[in-house]
C-alpha atoms as a PDB file:
ATOM      1  CA  MET A   1       4.273  13.334 -72.143  1.00  0.00           C
ATOM      2  CA  MET A   2       4.595  13.737 -67.901  1.00  0.00           C
ATOM      3  CA  LYS A   3       0.961  13.771 -66.418  1.00  0.00           C
ATOM      4  CA  ARG A   4       0.234  16.187 -63.791  1.00  0.00           C
ATOM      5  CA  ASN A   5      -1.330  15.086 -60.306  1.00  0.00           C
ATOM      6  CA  TRP A   6      -2.169  17.924 -58.626  1.00  0.00           C
ATOM      7  CA  PRO A   7      -5.187  16.853 -57.021  1.00  0.00           C
ATOM      8  CA  HIS A   8      -2.992  13.820 -55.176  1.00  0.00           C
ATOM      9  CA  ALA A   9      -0.205  15.837 -54.304  1.00  0.00           C
ATOM     10  CA  VAL A  10      -2.170  18.407 -53.052  1.00  0.00           C
ATOM     11  CA  ALA A  11      -4.643  16.051 -51.351  1.00  0.00           C
ATOM     12  CA  LEU A  12      -1.138  14.674 -49.669  1.00  0.00           C
ATOM     13  CA  LEU A  13      -0.064  17.402 -48.502  1.00  0.00           C
ATOM     14  CA  VAL A  14      -2.731  18.781 -46.923  1.00  0.00           C
ATOM     15  CA  VAL A  15      -3.356  14.987 -45.000  1.00  0.00           C
ATOM     16  CA  SER A  16       0.094  15.412 -43.813  1.00  0.00           C
ATOM     17  CA  ALA A  17      -0.271  18.904 -42.556  1.00  0.00           C
ATOM     18  CA  CYS A  18      -3.033  18.385 -40.570  1.00  0.00           C
ATOM     19  CA  VAL A  19      -1.430  15.135 -39.117  1.00  0.00           C
ATOM     20  CA  PHE A  20       1.674  17.552 -38.186  1.00  0.00           C
ATOM     21  CA  ILE A  21      -0.482  19.266 -36.074  1.00  0.00           C
ATOM     22  CA  LEU A  22      -2.285  17.421 -34.400  1.00  0.00           C
ATOM     23  CA  THR A  23       0.742  15.607 -33.286  1.00  0.00           C
ATOM     24  CA  ALA A  24       2.504  18.769 -32.184  1.00  0.00           C
ATOM     25  CA  THR A  25      -0.320  20.488 -30.550  1.00  0.00           C
ATOM     26  CA  PRO A  26       0.590  20.731 -26.849  1.00  0.00           C
ATOM     27  CA  GLY A  27      -1.900  18.414 -24.902  1.00  0.00           C
ATOM     28  CA  ALA A  28      -3.038  16.474 -28.145  1.00  0.00           C
ATOM     29  CA  ALA A  29      -0.573  13.414 -26.930  1.00  0.00           C
ATOM     30  CA  GLN A  30      -1.223  14.164 -23.194  1.00  0.00           C
ATOM     31  CA  LYS A  31      -5.212  13.636 -23.625  1.00  0.00           C
ATOM     32  CA  SER A  32      -4.798  10.478 -25.988  1.00  0.00           C
ATOM     33  CA  LYS A  33      -2.549   8.805 -23.658  1.00  0.00           C
ATOM     34  CA  SER A  34      -5.270   9.283 -20.527  1.00  0.00           C
ATOM     35  CA  LYS A  35      -6.902   6.296 -19.688  1.00  0.00           C
ATOM     36  CA  GLY A  36      -8.871   7.495 -16.946  1.00  0.00           C
ATOM     37  CA  VAL A  37      -7.852   5.477 -13.921  1.00  0.00           C
ATOM     38  CA  GLY A  38      -4.510   5.689 -11.539  1.00  0.00           C
ATOM     39  CA  ILE A  39      -1.273   4.349  -9.907  1.00  0.00           C
ATOM     40  CA  VAL A  40      -0.766   3.260  -6.203  1.00  0.00           C
ATOM     41  CA  TYR A  41       2.337   2.650  -5.204  1.00  0.00           C
ATOM     42  CA  GLY A  42       4.792   2.464  -1.758  1.00  0.00           C
ATOM     43  CA  LYS A  43       5.651   0.498   0.980  1.00  0.00           C
ATOM     44  CA  VAL A  44       4.447  -1.993   3.742  1.00  0.00           C
ATOM     45  CA  LEU A  45       6.707  -1.022   7.083  1.00  0.00           C
ATOM     46  CA  LYS A  46       6.276  -2.972  10.066  1.00  0.00           C
ATOM     47  CA  ALA A  47       6.027  -1.025  13.529  1.00  0.00           C
ATOM     48  CA  ASP A  48      10.121  -1.427  13.393  1.00  0.00           C
ATOM     49  CA  GLY A  49      10.353   0.660  10.635  1.00  0.00           C
ATOM     50  CA  LYS A  50      11.190  -3.064   8.224  1.00  0.00           C
ATOM     51  CA  PRO A  51       9.652  -4.115   5.842  1.00  0.00           C
ATOM     52  CA  LEU A  52       7.181  -6.553   5.432  1.00  0.00           C
ATOM     53  CA  ALA A  53       7.250  -9.184   3.111  1.00  0.00           C
ATOM     54  CA  GLY A  54       5.371 -12.532   2.038  1.00  0.00           C
ATOM     55  CA  ALA A  55       1.934 -11.378   1.961  1.00  0.00           C
ATOM     56  CA  TRP A  56      -0.757  -9.891  -0.070  1.00  0.00           C
ATOM     57  CA  LEU A  57      -2.023  -6.222  -0.080  1.00  0.00           C
ATOM     58  CA  MET A  58      -5.343  -5.619  -1.139  1.00  0.00           C
ATOM     59  CA  ILE A  59      -7.345  -2.524  -1.632  1.00  0.00           C
ATOM     60  CA  GLU A  60     -10.791  -2.115  -1.391  1.00  0.00           C
ATOM     61  CA  ASN A  61     -13.274   0.376  -3.035  1.00  0.00           C
ATOM     62  CA  GLN A  62     -15.961  -0.363  -0.830  1.00  0.00           C
ATOM     63  CA  GLU A  63     -19.056   1.428  -2.981  1.00  0.00           C
ATOM     64  CA  LEU A  64     -17.704  -0.359  -6.293  1.00  0.00           C
ATOM     65  CA  GLY A  65     -17.191  -3.500  -4.732  1.00  0.00           C
ATOM     66  CA  MET A  66     -13.733  -3.491  -6.778  1.00  0.00           C
ATOM     67  CA  ILE A  67     -10.530  -5.300  -4.910  1.00  0.00           C
ATOM     68  CA  TYR A  68      -7.419  -5.328  -5.840  1.00  0.00           C
ATOM     69  CA  ARG A  69      -4.356  -7.615  -4.726  1.00  0.00           C
ATOM     70  CA  LYS A  70      -0.532  -7.643  -5.402  1.00  0.00           C
ATOM     71  CA  ASP A  71       2.080  -9.354  -3.388  1.00  0.00           C
ATOM     72  CA  ILE A  72       4.407  -7.634  -1.422  1.00  0.00           C
ATOM     73  CA  ASN A  73       7.656  -8.219  -2.823  1.00  0.00           C
ATOM     74  CA  PRO A  74      10.523  -9.033  -0.456  1.00  0.00           C
ATOM     75  CA  ILE A  75      11.805  -5.157   0.146  1.00  0.00           C
ATOM     76  CA  GLY A  76       8.346  -4.149   1.260  1.00  0.00           C
ATOM     77  CA  GLN A  77       7.123  -2.665  -2.185  1.00  0.00           C
ATOM     78  CA  PHE A  78       3.917  -2.606  -4.080  1.00  0.00           C
ATOM     79  CA  GLN A  79       2.607  -1.149  -6.778  1.00  0.00           C
ATOM     80  CA  PHE A  80      -0.979  -1.382  -8.160  1.00  0.00           C
ATOM     81  CA  ASP A  81      -1.965  -0.231 -11.974  1.00  0.00           C
ATOM     82  CA  ASP A  82      -5.192   1.190 -13.098  1.00  0.00           C
ATOM     83  CA  VAL A  83      -7.051   1.638 -10.125  1.00  0.00           C
ATOM     84  CA  TYR A  84     -10.495   3.371 -10.972  1.00  0.00           C
ATOM     85  CA  PRO A  85     -10.731   6.717  -9.242  1.00  0.00           C
ATOM     86  CA  GLY A  86     -12.252   6.577  -5.819  1.00  0.00           C
ATOM     87  CA  THR A  87     -11.679   5.745  -1.925  1.00  0.00           C
ATOM     88  CA  TYR A  88     -10.088   2.519  -1.094  1.00  0.00           C
ATOM     89  CA  VAL A  89      -9.133   0.950   2.174  1.00  0.00           C
ATOM     90  CA  PHE A  90      -6.363  -1.593   2.785  1.00  0.00           C
ATOM     91  CA  LYS A  91      -6.316  -5.147   3.852  1.00  0.00           C
ATOM     92  CA  LEU A  92      -3.376  -7.429   4.454  1.00  0.00           C
ATOM     93  CA  SER A  93      -3.614 -10.654   4.015  1.00  0.00           C
ATOM     94  CA  PRO A  94      -3.229 -13.289   5.688  1.00  0.00           C
ATOM     95  CA  ALA A  95      -4.251 -10.936   9.012  1.00  0.00           C
ATOM     96  CA  VAL A  96      -1.396 -12.008  11.537  1.00  0.00           C
ATOM     97  CA  TYR A  97      -0.625  -8.015  11.115  1.00  0.00           C
ATOM     98  CA  LEU A  98      -3.377  -5.312  11.030  1.00  0.00           C
ATOM     99  CA  ILE A  99      -3.045  -2.086   9.002  1.00  0.00           C
ATOM    100  CA  LYS A 100      -2.440   1.379  11.276  1.00  0.00           C
ATOM    101  CA  SER A 101      -2.450   3.308   8.740  1.00  0.00           C
ATOM    102  CA  PRO A 102      -3.338   5.212   6.483  1.00  0.00           C
ATOM    103  CA  ALA A 103      -7.110   4.190   6.986  1.00  0.00           C
ATOM    104  CA  GLN A 104      -8.196   5.265   3.617  1.00  0.00           C
ATOM    105  CA  ILE A 105      -6.324   6.948   0.541  1.00  0.00           C
ATOM    106  CA  THR A 106      -8.502   8.608  -2.717  1.00  0.00           C
ATOM    107  CA  ALA A 107      -7.103   7.636  -6.028  1.00  0.00           C
ATOM    108  CA  LYS A 108      -7.431  10.006  -8.520  1.00  0.00           C
ATOM    109  CA  ALA A 109      -7.318   9.239 -12.438  1.00  0.00           C
ATOM    110  CA  ASP A 110      -4.221   9.828 -14.207  1.00  0.00           C
ATOM    111  CA  GLU A 111      -2.205  10.156 -10.894  1.00  0.00           C
ATOM    112  CA  ALA A 112       0.389   8.300  -9.165  1.00  0.00           C
ATOM    113  CA  MET A 113       0.000   8.340  -5.486  1.00  0.00           C
ATOM    114  CA  GLU A 114       2.996   7.170  -3.054  1.00  0.00           C
ATOM    115  CA  VAL A 115       2.156   5.435   0.317  1.00  0.00           C
ATOM    116  CA  GLU A 116       3.772   4.511   3.286  1.00  0.00           C
ATOM    117  CA  VAL A 117       1.647   1.422   4.916  1.00  0.00           C
ATOM    118  CA  ARG A 118       2.276   1.074   8.699  1.00  0.00           C
ATOM    119  CA  VAL A 119       1.250  -2.157  10.247  1.00  0.00           C
ATOM    120  CA  VAL A 120       1.158  -3.815  13.546  1.00  0.00           C
ATOM    121  CA  PRO A 121       1.090  -7.220  14.672  1.00  0.00           C
ATOM    122  CA  ALA A 122      -2.897  -8.718  15.346  1.00  0.00           C
ATOM    123  CA  PRO A 123      -3.699  -9.406  18.528  1.00  0.00           C
ATOM    124  CA  PRO A 124      -3.102 -13.358  19.684  1.00  0.00           C
ATOM    125  CA  GLU A 125      -6.970 -13.038  20.226  1.00  0.00           C
ATOM    126  CA  THR A 126      -7.847 -12.443  16.533  1.00  0.00           C
ATOM    127  CA  LEU A 127      -5.255 -15.267  15.212  1.00  0.00           C
ATOM    128  CA  GLN A 128      -7.361 -18.103  16.713  1.00  0.00           C
END
């Protein structure tokens, strides 16, 4: 004689339906992927429009005391991942160039921000 496992079958069916509803609900997956941080990426260009390479670009949140640092690649590109929301200023190292624009940026949670950073040669007196 065959045993009937109705309670187990019903429980399995209910669990499967709940999993389907949770994963199929619009926004449910997006909310679970949210990390509360953003991305800042872009290019660093000199006054002549050519990319700057071989330097470190930093963004600093002076309120939180957080500094992110990335190498600028050979074609002037950079990307900061996992940037906490807030207002940041750009800094460059070595300081043979100064940041002309933008003066500051505001990173937002769960957003990617593209930035074109313009630099100018540092005055000779600041290089000594």
